[in-house]
Amino acid sequence: MRPEVKVEIAFATRPTEAPTWVDVSQYVRAVDTSRGRNMELDRVEAGTATVLLDNRDRRFDPTNVAGPYYGYLLPMRRIRFAATWLGVRYPILAGFVERWPLRYEDSDAWVAVPCVDGFKVLNMGRLSTNYPEQKSGERVAAVLQDAQWTMGYNWIVESPINGILGETTYVGPNMEWLIQTGLTTVQAVTLDKATPLSHMQDVTETENGTLFVDRGGNLVFWDRHQPLTAPQSESQALFGDADGELSYTDIELSYDDGLIYNEVSLTREGGTAQVVEDVDSRLKYFRRTYDKSGLLMTADEIARSAALYKLAQYREPGVRASRLIFEGPLPDDVWTALLAREIGDRVTVRRRPPGGGAMIE
């Protein structure tokens, strides 16, 4: 058995309005999604998906005036993906349709619809405004407010679907932001045509936090302590190759130089470079520099503390499970564990290699 995949599109409602969902699951041939980042020091990227829809009756053809969705097959219509397993619904990704590419082969017809999450919207806008000195999470919330961020659940100005009494003020948010206050104070800034996303990512790097759009479409900002705080501090699943552990098909373990940094240079905006190094690591692995500038902390000593922390994390290599592979059919408990996972969840991975010796965890 496999989970029941559900794909819904809000054809008739604009992306800033409360969505009216239409279930198109019966036309789905395949779904491919991707969320997260490749390496832990990378920024989280926009979540993406491609859904392959059967189009033999031309219902997903924007040029077909007789189609049931004619006039509504537009870019940036909202779409969401979910899977139901053992009676539980798990969101997979929520975002926006980018285009409707029509494809044909002999008597067959289909559309491979590319989709993207809310990071795209936050990368399209431009902000020219001033912000005072404030906590990192407060800055993220202020940027979202000024960008009028919504995934359609807020009341929007002059909307025929969910405007408020014809008023001309924006009201929100409503369970679309999951923003922590933050631990780091960021500088006052004047933005000139900056994208909301780029500034929030600069703030996130200054905080050493995490910024992403979750499976339900909410914008999430964590401070740097959240990975050390429950539930993120607790392992949510144990994958292994022994009885009582969640099984996987294959594993890729890596012990390499990809995340070795023995010289860290962090520079805040208007400050001087704070450079720290580990001589022993440099003698073993050559000089490997992590360099980041334009950070927004308010004092050089804060930048230096951040540099020392990063040096302590990355001056030596570590064993990483860079990939887990699962091939069906999967046991019920494995499906449950996989479908429930979110960016930032901590998991435990075990391997007992042939030849004996200590288990790798």
Protein backbone atom coordinates (compact mmCIF):
# COMPACT_ATOMS: atom_id res chain seq x y z
CA MET A 1 0.00 0.00 0.00
CA ARG A 2 0.95 3.61 -0.53
CA PRO A 3 -0.44 6.85 0.90
CA GLU A 4 -3.34 8.47 -0.91
CA VAL A 5 -1.98 11.59 -2.60
CA LYS A 6 -4.24 14.62 -2.79
CA VAL A 7 -3.63 17.64 -5.02
CA GLU A 8 -5.92 20.67 -4.78
CA ILE A 9 -5.89 23.90 -6.79
CA ALA A 10 -7.70 27.16 -6.01
CA PHE A 11 -8.69 27.95 -9.58
CA ALA A 12 -11.34 30.61 -8.97
CA THR A 13 -9.74 32.57 -6.13
CA ARG A 14 -6.85 34.97 -6.38
CA PRO A 15 -3.70 33.96 -4.48
CA THR A 16 -4.30 36.58 -1.75
CA GLU A 17 -7.88 35.45 -1.10
CA ALA A 18 -9.28 32.72 1.09
CA PRO A 19 -8.96 29.72 -1.25
CA THR A 20 -11.79 27.67 -2.67
CA TRP A 21 -10.08 24.35 -3.31
CA VAL A 22 -10.81 21.99 -6.20
CA ASP A 23 -9.59 18.40 -5.87
CA VAL A 24 -7.77 17.30 -9.05
CA SER A 25 -6.28 14.13 -7.56
CA GLN A 26 -8.05 11.83 -10.02
CA TYR A 27 -6.02 13.39 -12.86
CA VAL A 28 -2.64 13.12 -11.12
CA ARG A 29 -0.13 10.78 -12.74
CA ALA A 30 2.92 11.69 -10.67
CA VAL A 31 4.13 14.18 -8.06
CA ASP A 32 7.69 15.21 -7.30
CA THR A 33 8.53 17.62 -4.47
CA SER A 34 11.71 19.10 -3.04
CA ARG A 35 12.19 21.20 0.09
CA GLY A 36 15.09 22.25 2.31
CA ARG A 37 18.80 22.71 1.59
CA ASN A 38 21.71 20.56 0.44
CA MET A 39 24.19 21.51 3.18
CA GLU A 40 23.57 22.78 6.70
CA LEU A 41 25.38 26.11 6.11
CA ASP A 42 23.30 26.85 3.01
CA ARG A 43 20.18 28.97 3.08
CA VAL A 44 16.95 27.02 2.89
CA GLU A 45 15.76 27.23 -0.71
CA ALA A 46 12.24 27.69 -2.03
CA GLY A 47 10.22 24.50 -1.90
CA THR A 48 9.28 23.22 -5.35
CA ALA A 49 7.00 20.60 -6.85
CA THR A 50 5.99 19.27 -10.23
CA VAL A 51 2.64 17.56 -10.70
CA LEU A 52 1.91 15.60 -13.86
CA LEU A 53 -1.78 15.95 -14.79
CA ASP A 54 -3.71 13.94 -17.36
CA ASN A 55 -4.95 16.42 -19.97
CA ARG A 56 -6.54 14.15 -22.58
CA ASP A 57 -9.90 15.93 -22.19
CA ARG A 58 -8.14 19.35 -22.32
CA ARG A 59 -9.49 20.43 -18.94
CA PHE A 60 -6.06 21.86 -18.03
CA ASP A 61 -5.64 23.63 -21.39
CA PRO A 62 -5.83 27.45 -20.93
CA THR A 63 -6.90 27.83 -24.59
CA ASN A 64 -9.89 25.48 -24.32
CA VAL A 65 -12.96 27.71 -23.95
CA ALA A 66 -15.12 24.65 -23.23
CA GLY A 67 -12.91 23.49 -20.36
CA PRO A 68 -14.27 23.50 -16.79
CA TYR A 69 -11.48 25.82 -15.59
CA TYR A 70 -11.30 28.14 -18.60
CA GLY A 71 -10.23 31.62 -17.55
CA TYR A 72 -8.75 30.32 -14.29
CA LEU A 73 -5.73 28.38 -15.56
CA LEU A 74 -3.41 31.21 -14.58
CA PRO A 75 0.09 31.44 -13.15
CA MET A 76 0.28 32.02 -9.38
CA ARG A 77 -2.94 30.18 -8.59
CA ARG A 78 -2.59 28.46 -5.21
CA ILE A 79 -1.92 24.74 -5.05
CA ARG A 80 -1.38 22.32 -2.19
CA PHE A 81 -0.23 18.72 -1.85
CA ALA A 82 -1.07 16.27 0.92
CA ALA A 83 -0.93 12.55 1.63
CA THR A 84 -3.33 10.51 3.74
CA TRP A 85 -1.97 7.47 5.52
CA LEU A 86 -3.83 5.30 8.05
CA GLY A 87 -6.54 7.96 8.29
CA VAL A 88 -4.14 10.84 9.01
CA ARG A 89 -3.67 13.74 6.56
CA TYR A 90 -0.10 15.02 6.18
CA PRO A 91 0.56 18.30 4.32
CA ILE A 92 3.43 17.99 1.86
CA LEU A 93 3.77 21.42 0.23
CA ALA A 94 1.65 24.53 -0.30
CA GLY A 95 2.48 27.15 -2.88
CA PHE A 96 1.73 28.55 -6.30
CA VAL A 97 1.46 27.30 -9.88
CA GLU A 98 4.19 28.84 -12.05
CA ARG A 99 2.86 27.88 -15.49
CA TRP A 100 0.70 25.44 -17.46
CA PRO A 101 3.01 23.75 -20.02
CA LEU A 102 1.00 21.69 -22.53
CA ARG A 103 2.57 18.45 -23.76
CA TYR A 104 1.43 15.91 -26.36
CA GLU A 105 2.56 12.56 -27.70
CA ASP A 106 0.40 10.75 -30.27
CA SER A 107 -3.06 10.51 -28.65
CA ASP A 108 -1.79 11.35 -25.17
CA ALA A 109 -1.80 14.80 -23.55
CA TRP A 110 -0.58 16.02 -20.20
CA VAL A 111 0.70 19.05 -18.30
CA ALA A 112 3.73 18.92 -16.02
CA VAL A 113 2.83 21.82 -13.74
CA PRO A 114 5.79 23.38 -11.87
CA CYS A 115 4.98 24.90 -8.47
CA VAL A 116 6.89 26.90 -5.88
CA ASP A 117 6.28 27.92 -2.28
CA GLY A 118 5.95 31.41 -0.80
CA PHE A 119 9.66 32.23 -1.01
CA LYS A 120 9.04 33.16 -4.65
CA VAL A 121 6.44 35.75 -3.65
CA LEU A 122 8.80 37.21 -1.05
CA ASN A 123 11.53 37.43 -3.67
CA MET A 124 9.37 39.37 -6.14
CA GLY A 125 8.52 42.38 -3.99
CA ARG A 126 10.67 45.43 -3.31
CA LEU A 127 10.97 47.35 -0.05
CA SER A 128 12.21 50.94 0.28
CA THR A 129 11.74 51.76 3.94
CA ASN A 130 13.44 52.27 7.30
CA TYR A 131 13.58 49.84 10.20
CA PRO A 132 14.72 50.66 13.74
CA GLU A 133 17.14 48.61 15.80
CA GLN A 134 15.14 45.58 16.95
CA LYS A 135 15.28 41.86 17.67
CA SER A 136 15.80 39.60 14.66
CA GLY A 137 12.34 38.02 14.81
CA GLU A 138 10.70 41.41 15.24
CA ARG A 139 12.46 42.52 12.04
CA VAL A 140 11.25 39.46 10.14
CA ALA A 141 7.68 40.13 11.30
CA ALA A 142 7.95 43.80 10.29
CA VAL A 143 9.18 42.86 6.82
CA LEU A 144 6.33 40.38 6.38
CA GLN A 145 3.85 43.04 7.42
CA ASP A 146 5.28 45.59 4.98
CA ALA A 147 5.38 42.96 2.21
CA GLN A 148 1.70 42.20 2.98
CA TRP A 149 2.58 38.53 3.17
CA THR A 150 -0.36 36.17 2.93
CA MET A 151 -1.13 32.69 1.69
CA GLY A 152 -4.79 33.57 1.36
CA TYR A 153 -6.09 33.15 4.89
CA ASN A 154 -5.96 36.85 5.84
CA TRP A 155 -8.43 39.58 5.00
CA ILE A 156 -7.15 41.48 1.99
CA VAL A 157 -7.90 45.03 0.86
CA GLU A 158 -10.68 45.39 -1.74
CA SER A 159 -11.04 41.66 -2.30
CA PRO A 160 -14.49 40.56 -3.50
CA ILE A 161 -13.98 37.31 -1.62
CA ASN A 162 -12.61 38.38 1.74
CA GLY A 163 -12.34 42.17 1.92
CA ILE A 164 -13.72 43.82 5.06
CA LEU A 165 -16.64 46.18 4.52
CA GLY A 166 -14.86 47.92 1.66
CA GLU A 167 -12.17 49.27 3.97
CA THR A 168 -8.80 50.11 2.48
CA THR A 169 -6.54 48.82 5.24
CA TYR A 170 -4.71 45.53 5.38
CA VAL A 171 -5.59 43.27 8.29
CA GLY A 172 -3.48 40.29 9.31
CA PRO A 173 -1.77 38.00 9.89
CA ASN A 174 -3.79 34.94 10.83
CA MET A 175 -1.75 31.80 11.51
CA GLU A 176 0.53 32.33 8.52
CA TRP A 177 3.60 33.46 10.43
CA LEU A 178 5.35 31.31 13.01
CA ILE A 179 7.96 33.84 14.11
CA GLN A 180 10.11 33.69 17.23
CA THR A 181 11.23 36.99 18.73
CA GLY A 182 14.90 36.21 18.20
CA LEU A 183 17.95 36.52 20.45
CA THR A 184 20.12 38.89 18.42
CA THR A 185 19.47 42.62 18.08
CA VAL A 186 19.88 43.76 14.47
CA GLN A 187 20.90 47.18 13.25
CA ALA A 188 18.60 49.95 12.12
CA VAL A 189 18.63 49.95 8.32
CA THR A 190 17.36 51.88 5.32
CA LEU A 191 16.33 49.58 2.50
CA ASP A 192 16.29 50.73 -1.11
CA LYS A 193 14.36 48.39 -3.40
CA ALA A 194 15.48 45.33 -1.44
CA THR A 195 13.56 42.10 -1.78
CA PRO A 196 11.76 41.06 1.42
CA LEU A 197 13.29 37.59 1.18
CA SER A 198 16.90 38.76 0.84
CA HIS A 199 16.65 41.03 3.87
CA MET A 200 15.00 38.35 5.99
CA GLN A 201 17.74 35.92 4.97
CA ASP A 202 20.39 38.47 6.01
CA VAL A 203 18.64 38.79 9.37
CA THR A 204 18.48 35.00 9.69
CA GLU A 205 22.20 34.62 9.01
CA THR A 206 22.94 37.28 11.61
CA GLU A 207 20.82 35.38 14.13
CA ASN A 208 22.30 32.04 12.97
CA GLY A 209 18.66 30.98 12.84
CA THR A 210 16.43 29.20 10.34
CA LEU A 211 13.95 30.63 7.84
CA PHE A 212 11.65 28.46 5.75
CA VAL A 213 8.12 27.94 4.49
CA ASP A 214 6.62 24.91 6.21
CA ARG A 215 4.54 22.15 4.62
CA GLY A 216 1.32 24.07 5.20
CA GLY A 217 2.59 27.31 3.65
CA ASN A 218 3.41 29.17 6.88
CA LEU A 219 6.53 31.36 7.04
CA VAL A 220 8.70 30.04 9.91
CA PHE A 221 11.56 31.88 11.64
CA TRP A 222 13.55 30.15 14.39
CA ASP A 223 16.22 31.72 16.55
CA ARG A 224 19.56 29.99 17.02
CA HIS A 225 18.48 28.18 20.19
CA GLN A 226 15.47 26.41 18.69
CA PRO A 227 17.47 23.38 17.46
CA LEU A 228 18.52 22.91 21.11
CA THR A 229 14.96 23.25 22.42
CA ALA A 230 12.17 20.67 22.43
CA PRO A 231 10.83 19.30 20.18
CA GLN A 232 13.75 20.00 17.80
CA SER A 233 16.28 18.86 20.42
CA GLU A 234 14.66 15.42 20.61
CA SER A 235 15.00 12.72 17.98
CA GLN A 236 11.67 12.26 16.21
CA ALA A 237 12.52 8.99 14.46
CA LEU A 238 15.12 6.21 14.67
CA PHE A 239 16.19 4.77 11.31
CA GLY A 240 18.43 1.74 11.41
CA ASP A 241 19.24 -1.77 10.24
CA ALA A 242 18.19 -3.72 13.32
CA ASP A 243 14.92 -4.98 14.73
CA GLY A 244 12.89 -2.23 16.37
CA GLU A 245 14.36 0.46 14.11
CA LEU A 246 12.69 2.04 11.08
CA SER A 247 14.11 0.32 8.02
CA TYR A 248 15.64 2.02 4.99
CA THR A 249 16.83 0.63 1.66
CA ASP A 250 20.23 2.28 1.44
CA ILE A 251 22.35 4.90 3.16
CA GLU A 252 25.12 7.23 2.06
CA LEU A 253 27.56 8.04 4.86
CA SER A 254 30.18 10.69 4.27
CA TYR A 255 33.33 11.67 6.15
CA ASP A 256 34.81 14.42 4.02
CA ASP A 257 36.25 17.93 3.90
CA GLY A 258 33.10 19.65 2.69
CA LEU A 259 32.33 21.24 6.05
CA ILE A 260 35.78 21.93 7.50
CA TYR A 261 36.49 25.57 8.37
CA ASN A 262 39.52 26.46 10.47
CA GLU A 263 39.42 30.19 9.77
CA VAL A 264 36.17 32.09 10.23
CA SER A 265 35.79 35.74 9.26
CA LEU A 266 32.53 37.51 10.08
CA THR A 267 32.00 41.20 9.37
CA ARG A 268 29.01 43.21 10.44
CA GLU A 269 27.71 46.15 8.42
CA GLY A 270 29.84 49.16 9.40
CA GLY A 271 32.23 47.03 11.49
CA THR A 272 35.62 45.42 11.12
CA ALA A 273 36.26 41.80 10.20
CA GLN A 274 36.34 39.46 13.19
CA VAL A 275 38.74 36.66 12.28
CA VAL A 276 39.35 33.59 14.42
CA GLU A 277 41.32 30.46 13.53
CA ASP A 278 42.36 27.03 14.75
CA VAL A 279 46.04 26.38 14.01
CA ASP A 280 45.93 22.63 14.66
CA SER A 281 43.07 22.19 12.20
CA ARG A 282 44.88 24.30 9.62
CA LEU A 283 48.01 22.14 9.91
CA LYS A 284 45.92 19.00 9.31
CA TYR A 285 43.59 20.19 6.57
CA PHE A 286 45.22 23.33 5.09
CA ARG A 287 43.60 26.73 5.46
CA ARG A 288 39.84 26.62 4.96
CA THR A 289 38.06 29.95 5.33
CA TYR A 290 34.44 30.69 6.02
CA ASP A 291 33.86 34.35 5.15
CA LYS A 292 30.61 36.25 5.61
CA SER A 293 30.10 40.01 5.47
CA GLY A 294 27.16 42.40 5.63
CA LEU A 295 25.84 40.89 8.85
CA LEU A 296 23.53 43.02 10.95
CA MET A 297 24.58 42.54 14.57
CA THR A 298 25.11 45.77 16.48
CA ALA A 299 28.66 45.26 17.85
CA ASP A 300 31.91 43.68 16.70
CA GLU A 301 32.19 41.56 19.85
CA ILE A 302 28.89 39.87 18.96
CA ALA A 303 30.29 39.06 15.52
CA ARG A 304 33.43 37.66 17.18
CA SER A 305 31.38 35.42 19.48
CA ALA A 306 29.46 34.13 16.46
CA ALA A 307 32.74 33.43 14.65
CA LEU A 308 34.12 31.47 17.61
CA TYR A 309 30.95 29.41 17.78
CA LYS A 310 31.13 28.53 14.09
CA LEU A 311 34.83 27.69 14.35
CA ALA A 312 34.13 25.27 17.19
CA GLN A 313 31.46 23.57 15.08
CA TYR A 314 33.44 23.12 11.87
CA ARG A 315 37.16 22.90 12.66
CA GLU A 316 37.03 19.07 12.46
CA PRO A 317 35.19 16.80 10.01
CA GLY A 318 32.28 14.65 11.11
CA VAL A 319 30.45 11.61 9.82
CA ARG A 320 27.18 12.60 8.19
CA ALA A 321 24.33 10.61 6.78
CA SER A 322 24.02 12.67 3.62
CA ARG A 323 21.25 10.58 2.11
CA LEU A 324 18.74 7.92 3.10
CA ILE A 325 17.00 5.97 0.35
CA PHE A 326 13.60 4.33 0.73
CA GLU A 327 12.14 2.04 -1.91
CA GLY A 328 8.62 0.63 -1.65
CA PRO A 329 6.74 -1.21 -0.52
CA LEU A 330 7.41 0.36 2.87
CA PRO A 331 6.19 -0.79 6.28
CA ASP A 332 3.38 1.23 7.84
CA ASP A 333 5.58 2.76 10.54
CA VAL A 334 8.14 3.97 8.00
CA TRP A 335 5.49 5.77 5.96
CA THR A 336 4.20 7.41 9.13
CA ALA A 337 7.69 8.57 10.15
CA LEU A 338 8.53 9.96 6.71
CA LEU A 339 5.27 11.78 6.11
CA ALA A 340 5.38 13.47 9.52
CA ARG A 341 8.82 15.00 9.06
CA GLU A 342 9.41 18.73 8.70
CA ILE A 343 12.48 20.85 8.00
CA GLY A 344 14.46 21.08 11.24
CA ASP A 345 13.29 17.77 12.71
CA ARG A 346 16.05 15.82 14.41
CA VAL A 347 16.32 12.14 13.50
CA THR A 348 18.70 9.35 14.50
CA VAL A 349 20.34 7.14 11.87
CA ARG A 350 22.19 3.91 12.64
CA ARG A 351 24.28 1.55 10.55
CA ARG A 352 26.04 -1.67 11.56
CA PRO A 353 28.57 -2.31 8.79
CA PRO A 354 29.84 -5.79 7.90
CA GLY A 355 33.11 -6.66 9.56
CA GLY A 356 32.01 -6.02 13.12
CA GLY A 357 33.14 -3.21 15.31
CA ALA A 358 31.22 -0.26 16.68
CA MET A 359 27.87 0.77 15.34
CA ILE A 360 27.78 4.07 13.41
CA GLU A 361 25.17 6.53 14.73
